[in-house]
Amino acid sequence: MKARTLLPLLLIASLTACSSSDDSDDGGTTGGDTGADTGDTGGDTGDTGSDTGGDTGGNLDGGTSGVWFGNNGFGEAVVVIEPDNDIYSYSAGSGIYEAAFGSVGGAADRFIHRDSDNPAHGDSFTLVGDVPSGITSFDAGADSVTYNLTVTNDGQQLDNTGDAGSFSLTFAGSDDVSAISVADIAGTWVARTSFSADDNLVLSMTIAADGAVSGFTDYANGSIPDNADGVPLTGSVSTASDSALYLTIEYNWNDFDREGVLFFNRTSDQLVLNGYGEEGDANNFTALLTRQ
């Protein structure tokens, strides 16, 4: 994430030792077995480290970097914190969703998404988030918040205090948020949504085996367009340096650059794209994608 005001497991060690005694009778010899098997003197010393992905490793360094999950006061959240302290937070409430982007200890920009207005064309929430102060139908809260984060409980818990509220998140393992790789998501993913009863929008995103991204957004009347007649989307997906539970993505949409993260949704087999850019009319671009 470039300069911006943005707001985003368990160590398995095995120790085995085995011993055996293999006494045998060779059919009437007078000596028999002259000694006992002394057993395996070494055994497996166990795994001394952790996967970089945090999928099986746990938060050994006790830092904030990695993937965290739990209720953040708005809803059920998955929060990705990159090694440079950039935060990508995605939260699902009741019919509304929050995307927040910032940095640890700094202000985070908030955006609100809502369920698709046309349920027949709605396997995703709205793609472009609304600034909370622009919402009049309910109190969506402040446009920005500051996260004051502290890692506790031997690196397994992330506590927050301050204007974002008091909450605790848990360091995610692969049983909590599925591990992900570029190979896992190669192919085409689509999000269908509507921002009014009649205005349907489709996002189609194809991820190549080398991480190259191509796609588009287009208006549609209930179907997925065969051709990219709308706004093109291009970019690339890369492996995260600190976790196997999310991927990083850089992409250009509507002539503006954005950065974000990709991870598997905790409650379905869909893919979450949580992206942000500091320029343009639609800074926040977040989607729930379904494999085609």
Protein backbone atom coordinates (compact mmCIF):
# COMPACT_ATOMS: atom_id res chain seq x y z
CA MET A 1 0.00 0.00 0.00
CA LYS A 2 1.57 3.27 -1.06
CA ALA A 3 1.48 6.46 0.94
CA ARG A 4 -2.04 6.74 2.19
CA THR A 5 -4.17 7.01 5.23
CA LEU A 6 -5.64 3.62 5.11
CA LEU A 7 -7.22 1.16 7.33
CA PRO A 8 -7.65 -6.13 6.80
CA LEU A 9 -1.50 -20.33 13.85
CA LEU A 10 -1.03 -22.63 15.75
CA LEU A 11 2.45 -24.19 15.96
CA ILE A 12 2.21 -27.86 15.25
CA ALA A 13 5.16 -29.76 16.57
CA SER A 14 5.40 -33.46 16.49
CA LEU A 15 7.67 -35.47 18.68
CA THR A 16 7.73 -39.12 17.97
CA ALA A 17 9.91 -41.82 19.31
CA CYS A 18 9.63 -45.42 18.55
CA SER A 19 11.24 -48.53 19.96
CA SER A 20 10.96 -52.05 18.81
CA SER A 21 12.00 -55.43 19.96
CA ASP A 22 12.32 -58.09 17.33
CA ASP A 23 12.88 -61.41 19.01
CA SER A 24 12.79 -64.36 16.62
CA ASP A 25 13.17 -68.11 16.92
CA ASP A 26 15.19 -69.60 14.10
CA GLY A 27 13.76 -73.09 14.64
CA GLY A 28 15.58 -74.65 17.59
CA THR A 29 18.92 -72.87 17.90
CA THR A 30 20.47 -73.09 21.34
CA GLY A 31 21.40 -69.47 21.63
CA GLY A 32 18.25 -67.56 20.89
CA ASP A 33 18.27 -63.79 20.73
CA THR A 34 21.48 -62.62 22.36
CA GLY A 35 20.40 -59.06 23.04
CA ALA A 36 17.46 -56.67 23.12
CA ASP A 37 16.81 -54.02 20.57
CA THR A 38 18.02 -50.80 22.17
CA GLY A 39 15.31 -48.83 20.40
CA ASP A 40 15.38 -45.65 18.44
CA THR A 41 17.84 -43.41 20.26
CA GLY A 42 16.89 -40.21 18.56
CA GLY A 43 13.32 -39.72 17.55
CA ASP A 44 11.93 -36.77 15.72
CA THR A 45 13.00 -33.57 17.44
CA GLY A 46 9.93 -31.78 16.17
CA ASP A 47 9.34 -28.77 14.03
CA THR A 48 11.56 -25.96 15.29
CA GLY A 49 9.94 -23.20 13.34
CA SER A 50 6.71 -22.05 11.79
CA ASP A 51 5.37 -21.68 8.31
CA THR A 52 5.59 -18.12 7.08
CA GLY A 53 1.92 -18.35 6.41
CA GLY A 54 0.74 -18.53 9.95
CA ASP A 55 -1.43 -21.38 8.69
CA THR A 56 0.18 -23.96 10.96
CA GLY A 57 2.73 -21.86 12.76
CA GLY A 58 1.15 -19.50 15.25
CA ASN A 59 2.19 -15.95 15.97
CA LEU A 60 5.66 -16.77 17.24
CA ASP A 61 7.10 -13.27 16.99
CA GLY A 62 4.16 -11.73 18.84
CA GLY A 63 3.66 -9.00 16.24
CA THR A 64 0.50 -7.66 14.63
CA SER A 65 1.33 -8.91 11.12
CA GLY A 66 -0.92 -11.65 9.77
CA VAL A 67 -4.61 -12.50 9.60
CA TRP A 68 -6.99 -11.98 12.53
CA PHE A 69 -10.67 -12.77 12.93
CA GLY A 70 -13.56 -12.18 15.33
CA ASN A 71 -16.26 -9.66 16.12
CA ASN A 72 -14.98 -6.07 15.94
CA GLY A 73 -18.20 -4.44 17.14
CA PHE A 74 -19.50 -3.85 13.62
CA GLY A 75 -19.76 -7.51 12.68
CA GLU A 76 -17.75 -10.65 12.02
CA ALA A 77 -14.41 -9.42 10.75
CA VAL A 78 -11.34 -10.68 8.95
CA VAL A 79 -8.51 -8.21 9.42
CA VAL A 80 -5.29 -8.46 7.42
CA ILE A 81 -2.28 -6.57 8.73
CA GLU A 82 0.70 -6.51 6.41
CA PRO A 83 4.32 -6.45 7.61
CA ASP A 84 4.50 -2.69 6.93
CA ASN A 85 1.54 -2.23 9.35
CA ASP A 86 -1.05 -1.52 6.64
CA ILE A 87 -4.53 -2.68 7.69
CA TYR A 88 -7.26 -4.14 5.47
CA SER A 89 -10.39 -4.81 7.50
CA TYR A 90 -13.56 -6.49 6.21
CA SER A 91 -16.61 -6.93 8.47
CA ALA A 92 -20.01 -8.46 7.79
CA GLY A 93 -22.92 -7.09 9.80
CA SER A 94 -26.65 -7.64 9.27
CA GLY A 95 -27.24 -6.66 5.65
CA ILE A 96 -24.39 -4.15 5.75
CA TYR A 97 -20.63 -4.50 5.50
CA GLU A 98 -17.67 -2.40 6.56
CA ALA A 99 -14.37 -2.02 4.73
CA ALA A 100 -11.64 -0.09 6.52
CA PHE A 101 -8.12 0.80 5.40
CA GLY A 102 -5.35 2.40 7.41
CA SER A 103 -2.25 1.65 9.40
CA VAL A 104 -1.54 0.54 12.94
CA GLY A 105 -1.78 3.59 15.19
CA GLY A 106 -3.04 5.85 12.40
CA ALA A 107 -6.38 6.92 10.99
CA ALA A 108 -8.30 4.36 8.95
CA ASP A 109 -10.82 5.28 6.26
CA ARG A 110 -14.20 3.53 6.57
CA PHE A 111 -16.68 2.57 3.84
CA ILE A 112 -20.10 0.93 4.08
CA HIS A 113 -21.43 -1.65 1.63
CA ARG A 114 -24.95 -3.05 1.59
CA ASP A 115 -26.71 -6.13 0.30
CA SER A 116 -27.64 -6.08 -3.35
CA ASP A 117 -30.86 -4.14 -3.94
CA ASN A 118 -32.04 -6.77 -6.44
CA PRO A 119 -31.86 -10.19 -4.73
CA ALA A 120 -32.19 -11.93 -8.10
CA HIS A 121 -28.93 -10.31 -9.13
CA GLY A 122 -27.07 -10.33 -5.87
CA ASP A 123 -24.41 -12.89 -4.96
CA SER A 124 -22.27 -10.00 -3.72
CA PHE A 125 -22.80 -6.83 -1.73
CA THR A 126 -22.36 -3.52 -3.55
CA LEU A 127 -18.88 -3.16 -4.99
CA VAL A 128 -18.16 0.49 -4.24
CA GLY A 129 -18.48 1.48 -0.59
CA ASP A 130 -20.27 4.59 0.63
CA VAL A 131 -18.60 7.13 2.88
CA PRO A 132 -20.47 6.90 6.23
CA SER A 133 -21.22 10.63 6.38
CA GLY A 134 -23.04 10.37 3.05
CA ILE A 135 -25.50 7.76 4.34
CA THR A 136 -28.82 9.16 5.56
CA SER A 137 -30.87 5.98 6.04
CA PHE A 138 -29.07 5.03 9.28
CA ASP A 139 -26.20 6.17 11.47
CA ALA A 140 -23.17 4.62 9.83
CA GLY A 141 -20.66 6.17 12.24
CA ALA A 142 -17.51 8.14 11.56
CA ASP A 143 -15.69 8.35 8.23
CA SER A 144 -12.44 7.33 9.89
CA VAL A 145 -11.28 5.61 13.05
CA THR A 146 -7.98 4.93 14.76
CA TYR A 147 -7.04 1.42 15.80
CA ASN A 148 -4.92 1.16 18.96
CA LEU A 149 -3.82 -2.44 18.87
CA THR A 150 -2.05 -4.58 21.44
CA VAL A 151 -1.03 -8.20 21.01
CA THR A 152 -1.74 -10.33 24.10
CA ASN A 153 -2.17 -13.96 25.15
CA ASP A 154 1.20 -15.15 23.83
CA GLY A 155 0.58 -13.63 20.41
CA GLN A 156 -2.81 -15.23 19.87
CA GLN A 157 -5.04 -12.23 20.66
CA LEU A 158 -5.25 -8.70 19.28
CA ASP A 159 -6.94 -6.17 21.56
CA ASN A 160 -8.17 -2.79 20.41
CA THR A 161 -9.06 0.32 22.38
CA GLY A 162 -9.96 3.83 21.25
CA ASP A 163 -12.54 5.40 18.97
CA ALA A 164 -12.89 2.20 16.94
CA GLY A 165 -14.29 0.55 20.06
CA SER A 166 -13.02 -2.12 22.38
CA PHE A 167 -12.77 -5.61 20.90
CA SER A 168 -10.50 -8.61 20.67
CA LEU A 169 -9.55 -10.64 17.61
CA THR A 170 -7.89 -14.05 17.37
CA PHE A 171 -4.81 -14.89 15.31
CA ALA A 172 -6.07 -17.04 12.45
CA GLY A 173 -4.92 -20.52 11.54
CA SER A 174 -5.85 -22.45 8.43
CA ASP A 175 -8.81 -23.95 10.31
CA ASP A 176 -10.14 -20.40 10.74
CA VAL A 177 -9.33 -18.84 7.36
CA SER A 178 -8.41 -21.30 4.61
CA ALA A 179 -4.90 -21.21 3.22
CA ILE A 180 -4.71 -19.70 -0.25
CA SER A 181 -2.28 -19.62 -3.17
CA VAL A 182 -2.31 -18.17 -6.65
CA ALA A 183 -2.77 -21.70 -8.01
CA ASP A 184 -5.81 -22.16 -5.77
CA ILE A 185 -7.65 -19.23 -7.33
CA ALA A 186 -6.52 -19.47 -10.96
CA GLY A 187 -9.57 -19.07 -13.18
CA THR A 188 -12.52 -16.72 -13.48
CA TRP A 189 -14.42 -15.24 -10.55
CA VAL A 190 -17.58 -13.15 -10.78
CA ALA A 191 -19.47 -10.86 -8.42
CA ARG A 192 -23.03 -9.84 -9.31
CA THR A 193 -24.69 -6.98 -7.51
CA SER A 194 -27.22 -4.19 -7.94
CA PHE A 195 -27.17 -0.71 -6.48
CA SER A 196 -30.84 -0.06 -7.24
CA ALA A 197 -33.86 -2.15 -8.25
CA ASP A 198 -32.91 -1.83 -11.93
CA ASP A 199 -29.16 -1.14 -11.99
CA ASN A 200 -27.28 -4.42 -12.08
CA LEU A 201 -23.50 -4.58 -12.14
CA VAL A 202 -21.16 -7.48 -12.87
CA LEU A 203 -17.49 -7.77 -11.93
CA SER A 204 -15.61 -10.47 -13.82
CA MET A 205 -12.01 -11.17 -12.81
CA THR A 206 -9.75 -13.80 -14.36
CA ILE A 207 -6.56 -14.80 -12.54
CA ALA A 208 -3.85 -16.54 -14.56
CA ALA A 209 -1.46 -19.15 -13.21
CA ASP A 210 1.31 -16.54 -13.04
CA GLY A 211 -0.89 -14.15 -11.06
CA ALA A 212 -1.80 -11.81 -13.92
CA VAL A 213 -5.30 -10.35 -13.54
CA SER A 214 -7.68 -9.32 -16.30
CA GLY A 215 -11.35 -8.49 -16.16
CA PHE A 216 -14.02 -5.84 -16.29
CA THR A 217 -17.13 -4.40 -14.71
CA ASP A 218 -20.24 -4.04 -16.81
CA TYR A 219 -23.93 -3.35 -16.49
CA ALA A 220 -26.10 -6.40 -17.03
CA ASN A 221 -29.74 -7.40 -16.88
CA GLY A 222 -29.45 -10.57 -14.87
CA SER A 223 -26.81 -12.31 -16.96
CA ILE A 224 -23.03 -12.22 -17.09
CA PRO A 225 -21.74 -10.44 -20.22
CA ASP A 226 -19.68 -12.48 -22.65
CA ASN A 227 -17.47 -9.56 -23.60
CA ALA A 228 -15.73 -6.85 -21.66
CA ASP A 229 -17.82 -3.96 -22.94
CA GLY A 230 -17.59 -2.04 -19.68
CA VAL A 231 -14.73 -0.73 -17.55
CA PRO A 232 -11.57 -2.87 -17.78
CA LEU A 233 -9.71 -4.17 -14.75
CA THR A 234 -6.07 -5.29 -14.94
CA GLY A 235 -3.50 -6.15 -12.32
CA SER A 236 -1.52 -8.87 -10.60
CA VAL A 237 -1.82 -11.15 -7.57
CA SER A 238 1.17 -12.09 -5.41
CA THR A 239 1.95 -14.31 -2.45
CA ALA A 240 2.05 -12.50 0.89
CA SER A 241 5.42 -12.49 2.62
CA ASP A 242 4.04 -13.15 6.11
CA SER A 243 1.03 -15.43 5.70
CA ALA A 244 -0.40 -18.26 3.61
CA LEU A 245 -3.93 -17.11 4.48
CA TYR A 246 -4.13 -14.14 2.09
CA LEU A 247 -2.74 -12.84 -1.19
CA THR A 248 -1.91 -9.28 -2.17
CA ILE A 249 -3.36 -7.69 -5.28
CA GLU A 250 -2.51 -4.55 -7.25
CA TYR A 251 -5.00 -3.53 -9.90
CA ASN A 252 -6.16 -0.68 -12.08
CA TRP A 253 -9.86 0.02 -12.46
CA ASN A 254 -11.53 3.10 -13.92
CA ASP A 255 -8.05 4.48 -14.72
CA PHE A 256 -6.94 4.54 -11.08
CA ASP A 257 -4.56 2.23 -9.23
CA ARG A 258 -5.69 0.29 -6.21
CA GLU A 259 -4.15 -2.19 -3.79
CA GLY A 260 -5.80 -4.83 -1.69
CA VAL A 261 -5.94 -8.35 -0.36
CA LEU A 262 -7.69 -11.55 -1.36
CA PHE A 263 -8.75 -14.31 1.03
CA PHE A 264 -11.33 -17.07 1.20
CA ASN A 265 -14.60 -16.14 2.89
CA ARG A 266 -14.99 -17.86 6.27
CA THR A 267 -18.65 -18.80 5.76
CA SER A 268 -18.71 -19.84 2.09
CA ASP A 269 -16.44 -20.96 -0.73
CA GLN A 270 -16.39 -17.43 -2.15
CA LEU A 271 -13.41 -15.14 -2.48
CA VAL A 272 -13.21 -11.74 -0.76
CA LEU A 273 -11.50 -8.87 -2.57
CA ASN A 274 -10.88 -5.93 -0.25
CA GLY A 275 -9.25 -3.08 -2.16
CA TYR A 276 -8.55 0.61 -1.83
CA GLY A 277 -7.08 3.51 -3.79
CA GLU A 278 -6.43 7.08 -2.73
CA GLU A 279 -7.60 8.66 -5.98
CA GLY A 280 -10.78 8.58 -8.01
CA ASP A 281 -14.47 8.72 -7.27
CA ALA A 282 -14.65 5.18 -5.93
CA ASN A 283 -11.73 4.80 -3.53
CA ASN A 284 -13.05 1.62 -1.98
CA PHE A 285 -13.66 -1.41 -4.20
CA THR A 286 -14.65 -4.56 -2.30
CA ALA A 287 -16.42 -7.66 -3.62
CA LEU A 288 -17.59 -11.15 -2.77
CA LEU A 289 -16.58 -13.29 -5.78
CA THR A 290 -17.94 -16.67 -6.89
CA ARG A 291 -15.89 -19.11 -8.98
CA GLN A 292 -17.22 -19.77 -12.47
